[in-house]
Amino acid sequence: MKNKIEEIRKEKGIRQEDFAKLMGVSRQTISSLETGKYNPSIFLAYKIAKYFEMTIEEVFIFDEEM
């Protein structure tokens, strides 16, 4: 699953480490999410979208072919 986390996070001027603390996960988790190596739980996806004041669909791009 692709996402726009890095793009949105950078637009808001938030460092990975700070964002990770806000989300209650490690910086490595945020890095893995941003590179597409890790798919978040629905809870984490919701928490990220809510923090950015967006819908899950605006942050995460579901690719049916994957």
PDB file of N, CA and C in Angstrom:
ATOM      1  N   MET A   1       0.841  -1.165   0.000  1.00  0.00           N
ATOM      2  CA  MET A   1       0.000   0.000   0.000  1.00  0.00           C
ATOM      3  C   MET A   1       0.898   1.243   0.000  1.00  0.00           C
ATOM      4  N   LYS A   2       0.591   2.167  -0.876  1.00  0.00           N
ATOM      5  CA  LYS A   2       1.344   3.403  -0.947  1.00  0.00           C
ATOM      6  C   LYS A   2       0.692   4.428  -0.031  1.00  0.00           C
ATOM      7  N   ASN A   3       1.450   5.474   0.298  1.00  0.00           N
ATOM      8  CA  ASN A   3       0.890   6.516   1.145  1.00  0.00           C
ATOM      9  C   ASN A   3       1.588   7.841   0.889  1.00  0.00           C
ATOM     10  N   LYS A   4       1.008   8.892   1.453  1.00  0.00           N
ATOM     11  CA  LYS A   4       1.538  10.243   1.304  1.00  0.00           C
ATOM     12  C   LYS A   4       2.079  10.776   2.631  1.00  0.00           C
ATOM     13  N   ILE A   5       2.406   9.893   3.552  1.00  0.00           N
ATOM     14  CA  ILE A   5       2.825  10.322   4.883  1.00  0.00           C
ATOM     15  C   ILE A   5       4.035  11.254   4.819  1.00  0.00           C
ATOM     16  N   GLU A   6       5.071  10.835   4.111  1.00  0.00           N
ATOM     17  CA  GLU A   6       6.290  11.650   4.053  1.00  0.00           C
ATOM     18  C   GLU A   6       6.007  13.028   3.469  1.00  0.00           C
ATOM     19  N   GLU A   7       5.280  13.062   2.384  1.00  0.00           N
ATOM     20  CA  GLU A   7       4.940  14.319   1.724  1.00  0.00           C
ATOM     21  C   GLU A   7       4.172  15.257   2.664  1.00  0.00           C
ATOM     22  N   ILE A   8       3.154  14.723   3.319  1.00  0.00           N
ATOM     23  CA  ILE A   8       2.327  15.530   4.217  1.00  0.00           C
ATOM     24  C   ILE A   8       3.128  15.960   5.443  1.00  0.00           C
ATOM     25  N   ARG A   9       3.894  15.035   5.985  1.00  0.00           N
ATOM     26  CA  ARG A   9       4.696  15.327   7.180  1.00  0.00           C
ATOM     27  C   ARG A   9       5.677  16.457   6.898  1.00  0.00           C
ATOM     28  N   LYS A  10       6.351  16.388   5.750  1.00  0.00           N
ATOM     29  CA  LYS A  10       7.326  17.424   5.385  1.00  0.00           C
ATOM     30  C   LYS A  10       6.645  18.766   5.131  1.00  0.00           C
ATOM     31  N   GLU A  11       5.472  18.737   4.507  1.00  0.00           N
ATOM     32  CA  GLU A  11       4.720  19.974   4.277  1.00  0.00           C
ATOM     33  C   GLU A  11       4.410  20.677   5.596  1.00  0.00           C
ATOM     34  N   LYS A  12       4.159  19.878   6.633  1.00  0.00           N
ATOM     35  CA  LYS A  12       3.814  20.420   7.943  1.00  0.00           C
ATOM     36  C   LYS A  12       5.054  20.695   8.797  1.00  0.00           C
ATOM     37  N   GLY A  13       6.236  20.376   8.252  1.00  0.00           N
ATOM     38  CA  GLY A  13       7.479  20.663   8.956  1.00  0.00           C
ATOM     39  C   GLY A  13       7.717  19.799  10.188  1.00  0.00           C
ATOM     40  N   ILE A  14       7.271  18.554  10.135  1.00  0.00           N
ATOM     41  CA  ILE A  14       7.417  17.646  11.276  1.00  0.00           C
ATOM     42  C   ILE A  14       8.508  16.619  10.974  1.00  0.00           C
ATOM     43  N   ARG A  15       9.452  16.478  11.894  1.00  0.00           N
ATOM     44  CA  ARG A  15      10.517  15.479  11.727  1.00  0.00           C
ATOM     45  C   ARG A  15       9.951  14.077  11.985  1.00  0.00           C
ATOM     46  N   GLN A  16      10.578  13.072  11.374  1.00  0.00           N
ATOM     47  CA  GLN A  16      10.147  11.684  11.573  1.00  0.00           C
ATOM     48  C   GLN A  16      10.104  11.330  13.053  1.00  0.00           C
ATOM     49  N   GLU A  17      11.144  11.694  13.769  1.00  0.00           N
ATOM     50  CA  GLU A  17      11.231  11.349  15.186  1.00  0.00           C
ATOM     51  C   GLU A  17      10.081  11.967  15.987  1.00  0.00           C
ATOM     52  N   ASP A  18       9.789  13.216  15.720  1.00  0.00           N
ATOM     53  CA  ASP A  18       8.694  13.890  16.425  1.00  0.00           C
ATOM     54  C   ASP A  18       7.340  13.286  16.062  1.00  0.00           C
ATOM     55  N   PHE A  19       7.164  12.983  14.785  1.00  0.00           N
ATOM     56  CA  PHE A  19       5.907  12.378  14.345  1.00  0.00           C
ATOM     57  C   PHE A  19       5.725  10.999  14.971  1.00  0.00           C
ATOM     58  N   ALA A  20       6.808  10.240  15.039  1.00  0.00           N
ATOM     59  CA  ALA A  20       6.748   8.911  15.653  1.00  0.00           C
ATOM     60  C   ALA A  20       6.287   9.006  17.108  1.00  0.00           C
ATOM     61  N   LYS A  21       6.835   9.972  17.842  1.00  0.00           N
ATOM     62  CA  LYS A  21       6.431  10.151  19.242  1.00  0.00           C
ATOM     63  C   LYS A  21       4.948  10.499  19.346  1.00  0.00           C
ATOM     64  N   LEU A  22       4.492  11.372  18.462  1.00  0.00           N
ATOM     65  CA  LEU A  22       3.077  11.754  18.460  1.00  0.00           C
ATOM     66  C   LEU A  22       2.166  10.560  18.182  1.00  0.00           C
ATOM     67  N   MET A  23       2.639   9.640  17.327  1.00  0.00           N
ATOM     68  CA  MET A  23       1.843   8.472  16.957  1.00  0.00           C
ATOM     69  C   MET A  23       2.047   7.292  17.913  1.00  0.00           C
ATOM     70  N   GLY A  24       3.020   7.395  18.805  1.00  0.00           N
ATOM     71  CA  GLY A  24       3.271   6.320  19.764  1.00  0.00           C
ATOM     72  C   GLY A  24       3.969   5.119  19.154  1.00  0.00           C
ATOM     73  N   VAL A  25       4.794   5.376  18.129  1.00  0.00           N
ATOM     74  CA  VAL A  25       5.547   4.305  17.473  1.00  0.00           C
ATOM     75  C   VAL A  25       7.011   4.737  17.363  1.00  0.00           C
ATOM     76  N   SER A  26       7.857   3.856  16.875  1.00  0.00           N
ATOM     77  CA  SER A  26       9.271   4.187  16.710  1.00  0.00           C
ATOM     78  C   SER A  26       9.491   4.983  15.419  1.00  0.00           C
ATOM     79  N   ARG A  27      10.631   5.680  15.347  1.00  0.00           N
ATOM     80  CA  ARG A  27      10.992   6.382  14.128  1.00  0.00           C
ATOM     81  C   ARG A  27      11.144   5.392  12.981  1.00  0.00           C
ATOM     82  N   GLN A  28      11.640   4.187  13.301  1.00  0.00           N
ATOM     83  CA  GLN A  28      11.812   3.153  12.277  1.00  0.00           C
ATOM     84  C   GLN A  28      10.462   2.743  11.678  1.00  0.00           C
ATOM     85  N   THR A  29       9.424   2.738  12.505  1.00  0.00           N
ATOM     86  CA  THR A  29       8.085   2.411  11.993  1.00  0.00           C
ATOM     87  C   THR A  29       7.635   3.457  10.997  1.00  0.00           C
ATOM     88  N   ILE A  30       7.840   4.733  11.329  1.00  0.00           N
ATOM     89  CA  ILE A  30       7.458   5.807  10.402  1.00  0.00           C
ATOM     90  C   ILE A  30       8.266   5.701   9.118  1.00  0.00           C
ATOM     91  N   SER A  31       9.548   5.439   9.247  1.00  0.00           N
ATOM     92  CA  SER A  31      10.399   5.275   8.064  1.00  0.00           C
ATOM     93  C   SER A  31       9.899   4.131   7.192  1.00  0.00           C
ATOM     94  N   SER A  32       9.570   3.001   7.821  1.00  0.00           N
ATOM     95  CA  SER A  32       9.067   1.839   7.067  1.00  0.00           C
ATOM     96  C   SER A  32       7.728   2.129   6.409  1.00  0.00           C
ATOM     97  N   LEU A  33       6.874   2.887   7.084  1.00  0.00           N
ATOM     98  CA  LEU A  33       5.595   3.276   6.488  1.00  0.00           C
ATOM     99  C   LEU A  33       5.836   4.145   5.251  1.00  0.00           C
ATOM    100  N   GLU A  34       6.719   5.119   5.395  1.00  0.00           N
ATOM    101  CA  GLU A  34       6.966   6.059   4.302  1.00  0.00           C
ATOM    102  C   GLU A  34       7.581   5.389   3.077  1.00  0.00           C
ATOM    103  N   THR A  35       8.370   4.359   3.284  1.00  0.00           N
ATOM    104  CA  THR A  35       8.991   3.664   2.153  1.00  0.00           C
ATOM    105  C   THR A  35       8.131   2.519   1.627  1.00  0.00           C
ATOM    106  N   GLY A  36       6.987   2.286   2.249  1.00  0.00           N
ATOM    107  CA  GLY A  36       6.086   1.234   1.792  1.00  0.00           C
ATOM    108  C   GLY A  36       6.479  -0.166   2.211  1.00  0.00           C
ATOM    109  N   LYS A  37       7.394  -0.273   3.177  1.00  0.00           N
ATOM    110  CA  LYS A  37       7.844  -1.584   3.638  1.00  0.00           C
ATOM    111  C   LYS A  37       6.964  -2.142   4.750  1.00  0.00           C
ATOM    112  N   TYR A  38       6.033  -1.326   5.231  1.00  0.00           N
ATOM    113  CA  TYR A  38       5.187  -1.720   6.358  1.00  0.00           C
ATOM    114  C   TYR A  38       3.800  -1.149   6.153  1.00  0.00           C
ATOM    115  N   ASN A  39       2.787  -1.968   6.337  1.00  0.00           N
ATOM    116  CA  ASN A  39       1.405  -1.510   6.282  1.00  0.00           C
ATOM    117  C   ASN A  39       0.902  -1.343   7.712  1.00  0.00           C
ATOM    118  N   PRO A  40       0.323  -0.199   8.015  1.00  0.00           N
ATOM    119  CA  PRO A  40      -0.107   0.056   9.385  1.00  0.00           C
ATOM    120  C   PRO A  40      -1.367  -0.713   9.760  1.00  0.00           C
ATOM    121  N   SER A  41      -1.572  -0.851  11.048  1.00  0.00           N
ATOM    122  CA  SER A  41      -2.848  -1.378  11.527  1.00  0.00           C
ATOM    123  C   SER A  41      -3.910  -0.340  11.186  1.00  0.00           C
ATOM    124  N   ILE A  42      -5.150  -0.737  11.186  1.00  0.00           N
ATOM    125  CA  ILE A  42      -6.226   0.214  10.893  1.00  0.00           C
ATOM    126  C   ILE A  42      -6.246   1.312  11.957  1.00  0.00           C
ATOM    127  N   PHE A  43      -5.908   0.962  13.192  1.00  0.00           N
ATOM    128  CA  PHE A  43      -5.862   1.936  14.271  1.00  0.00           C
ATOM    129  C   PHE A  43      -4.802   3.004  13.987  1.00  0.00           C
ATOM    130  N   LEU A  44      -3.598   2.586  13.596  1.00  0.00           N
ATOM    131  CA  LEU A  44      -2.526   3.532  13.308  1.00  0.00           C
ATOM    132  C   LEU A  44      -2.856   4.364  12.069  1.00  0.00           C
ATOM    133  N   ALA A  45      -3.420   3.748  11.050  1.00  0.00           N
ATOM    134  CA  ALA A  45      -3.804   4.485   9.837  1.00  0.00           C
ATOM    135  C   ALA A  45      -4.824   5.569  10.186  1.00  0.00           C
ATOM    136  N   TYR A  46      -5.782   5.231  11.024  1.00  0.00           N
ATOM    137  CA  TYR A  46      -6.801   6.196  11.448  1.00  0.00           C
ATOM    138  C   TYR A  46      -6.155   7.330  12.254  1.00  0.00           C
ATOM    139  N   LYS A  47      -5.258   6.972  13.156  1.00  0.00           N
ATOM    140  CA  LYS A  47      -4.590   7.960  14.007  1.00  0.00           C
ATOM    141  C   LYS A  47      -3.771   8.942  13.167  1.00  0.00           C
ATOM    142  N   ILE A  48      -3.063   8.426  12.161  1.00  0.00           N
ATOM    143  CA  ILE A  48      -2.273   9.271  11.267  1.00  0.00           C
ATOM    144  C   ILE A  48      -3.181  10.208  10.477  1.00  0.00           C
ATOM    145  N   ALA A  49      -4.228   9.659   9.885  1.00  0.00           N
ATOM    146  CA  ALA A  49      -5.152  10.470   9.089  1.00  0.00           C
ATOM    147  C   ALA A  49      -5.815  11.541   9.957  1.00  0.00           C
ATOM    148  N   LYS A  50      -6.223  11.162  11.145  1.00  0.00           N
ATOM    149  CA  LYS A  50      -6.874  12.110  12.048  1.00  0.00           C
ATOM    150  C   LYS A  50      -5.908  13.231  12.424  1.00  0.00           C
ATOM    151  N   TYR A  51      -4.651  12.898  12.689  1.00  0.00           N
ATOM    152  CA  TYR A  51      -3.657  13.910  13.046  1.00  0.00           C
ATOM    153  C   TYR A  51      -3.497  14.927  11.907  1.00  0.00           C
ATOM    154  N   PHE A  52      -3.482  14.450  10.678  1.00  0.00           N
ATOM    155  CA  PHE A  52      -3.335  15.323   9.521  1.00  0.00           C
ATOM    156  C   PHE A  52      -4.661  15.984   9.117  1.00  0.00           C
ATOM    157  N   GLU A  53      -5.730  15.679   9.835  1.00  0.00           N
ATOM    158  CA  GLU A  53      -7.067  16.185   9.529  1.00  0.00           C
ATOM    159  C   GLU A  53      -7.491  15.816   8.111  1.00  0.00           C
ATOM    160  N   MET A  54      -7.260  14.536   7.785  1.00  0.00           N
ATOM    161  CA  MET A  54      -7.587  14.002   6.469  1.00  0.00           C
ATOM    162  C   MET A  54      -8.309  12.666   6.663  1.00  0.00           C
ATOM    163  N   THR A  55      -8.832  12.126   5.579  1.00  0.00           N
ATOM    164  CA  THR A  55      -9.409  10.789   5.635  1.00  0.00           C
ATOM    165  C   THR A  55      -8.289   9.777   5.391  1.00  0.00           C
ATOM    166  N   ILE A  56      -8.537   8.546   5.758  1.00  0.00           N
ATOM    167  CA  ILE A  56      -7.562   7.484   5.507  1.00  0.00           C
ATOM    168  C   ILE A  56      -7.280   7.391   4.006  1.00  0.00           C
ATOM    169  N   GLU A  57      -8.309   7.544   3.194  1.00  0.00           N
ATOM    170  CA  GLU A  57      -8.149   7.449   1.742  1.00  0.00           C
ATOM    171  C   GLU A  57      -7.305   8.581   1.164  1.00  0.00           C
ATOM    172  N   GLU A  58      -7.261   9.716   1.840  1.00  0.00           N
ATOM    173  CA  GLU A  58      -6.432  10.827   1.369  1.00  0.00           C
ATOM    174  C   GLU A  58      -4.952  10.609   1.686  1.00  0.00           C
ATOM    175  N   VAL A  59      -4.674   9.820   2.713  1.00  0.00           N
ATOM    176  CA  VAL A  59      -3.294   9.565   3.136  1.00  0.00           C
ATOM    177  C   VAL A  59      -2.757   8.278   2.531  1.00  0.00           C
ATOM    178  N   PHE A  60      -3.592   7.252   2.471  1.00  0.00           N
ATOM    179  CA  PHE A  60      -3.167   5.932   2.005  1.00  0.00           C
ATOM    180  C   PHE A  60      -3.804   5.602   0.668  1.00  0.00           C
ATOM    181  N   ILE A  61      -2.992   5.090  -0.250  1.00  0.00           N
ATOM    182  CA  ILE A  61      -3.470   4.733  -1.584  1.00  0.00           C
ATOM    183  C   ILE A  61      -3.499   3.214  -1.693  1.00  0.00           C
ATOM    184  N   PHE A  62      -4.695   2.685  -1.781  1.00  0.00           N
ATOM    185  CA  PHE A  62      -4.855   1.239  -1.872  1.00  0.00           C
ATOM    186  C   PHE A  62      -4.730   0.805  -3.318  1.00  0.00           C
ATOM    187  N   ASP A  63      -3.796  -0.102  -3.565  1.00  0.00           N
ATOM    188  CA  ASP A  63      -3.574  -0.631  -4.919  1.00  0.00           C
ATOM    189  C   ASP A  63      -4.122  -2.046  -4.963  1.00  0.00           C
ATOM    190  N   GLU A  64      -5.229  -2.246  -5.647  1.00  0.00           N
ATOM    191  CA  GLU A  64      -5.891  -3.546  -5.692  1.00  0.00           C
ATOM    192  C   GLU A  64      -5.024  -4.627  -6.359  1.00  0.00           C
ATOM    193  N   GLU A  65      -4.053  -4.236  -7.159  1.00  0.00           N
ATOM    194  CA  GLU A  65      -3.224  -5.203  -7.869  1.00  0.00           C
ATOM    195  C   GLU A  65      -2.105  -5.749  -7.016  1.00  0.00           C
ATOM    196  N   MET A  66      -1.910  -5.230  -5.830  1.00  0.00           N
ATOM    197  CA  MET A  66      -0.820  -5.696  -4.965  1.00  0.00           C
ATOM    198  C   MET A  66      -1.216  -6.944  -4.243  1.00  0.00           C
TER     199      MET A  66
END
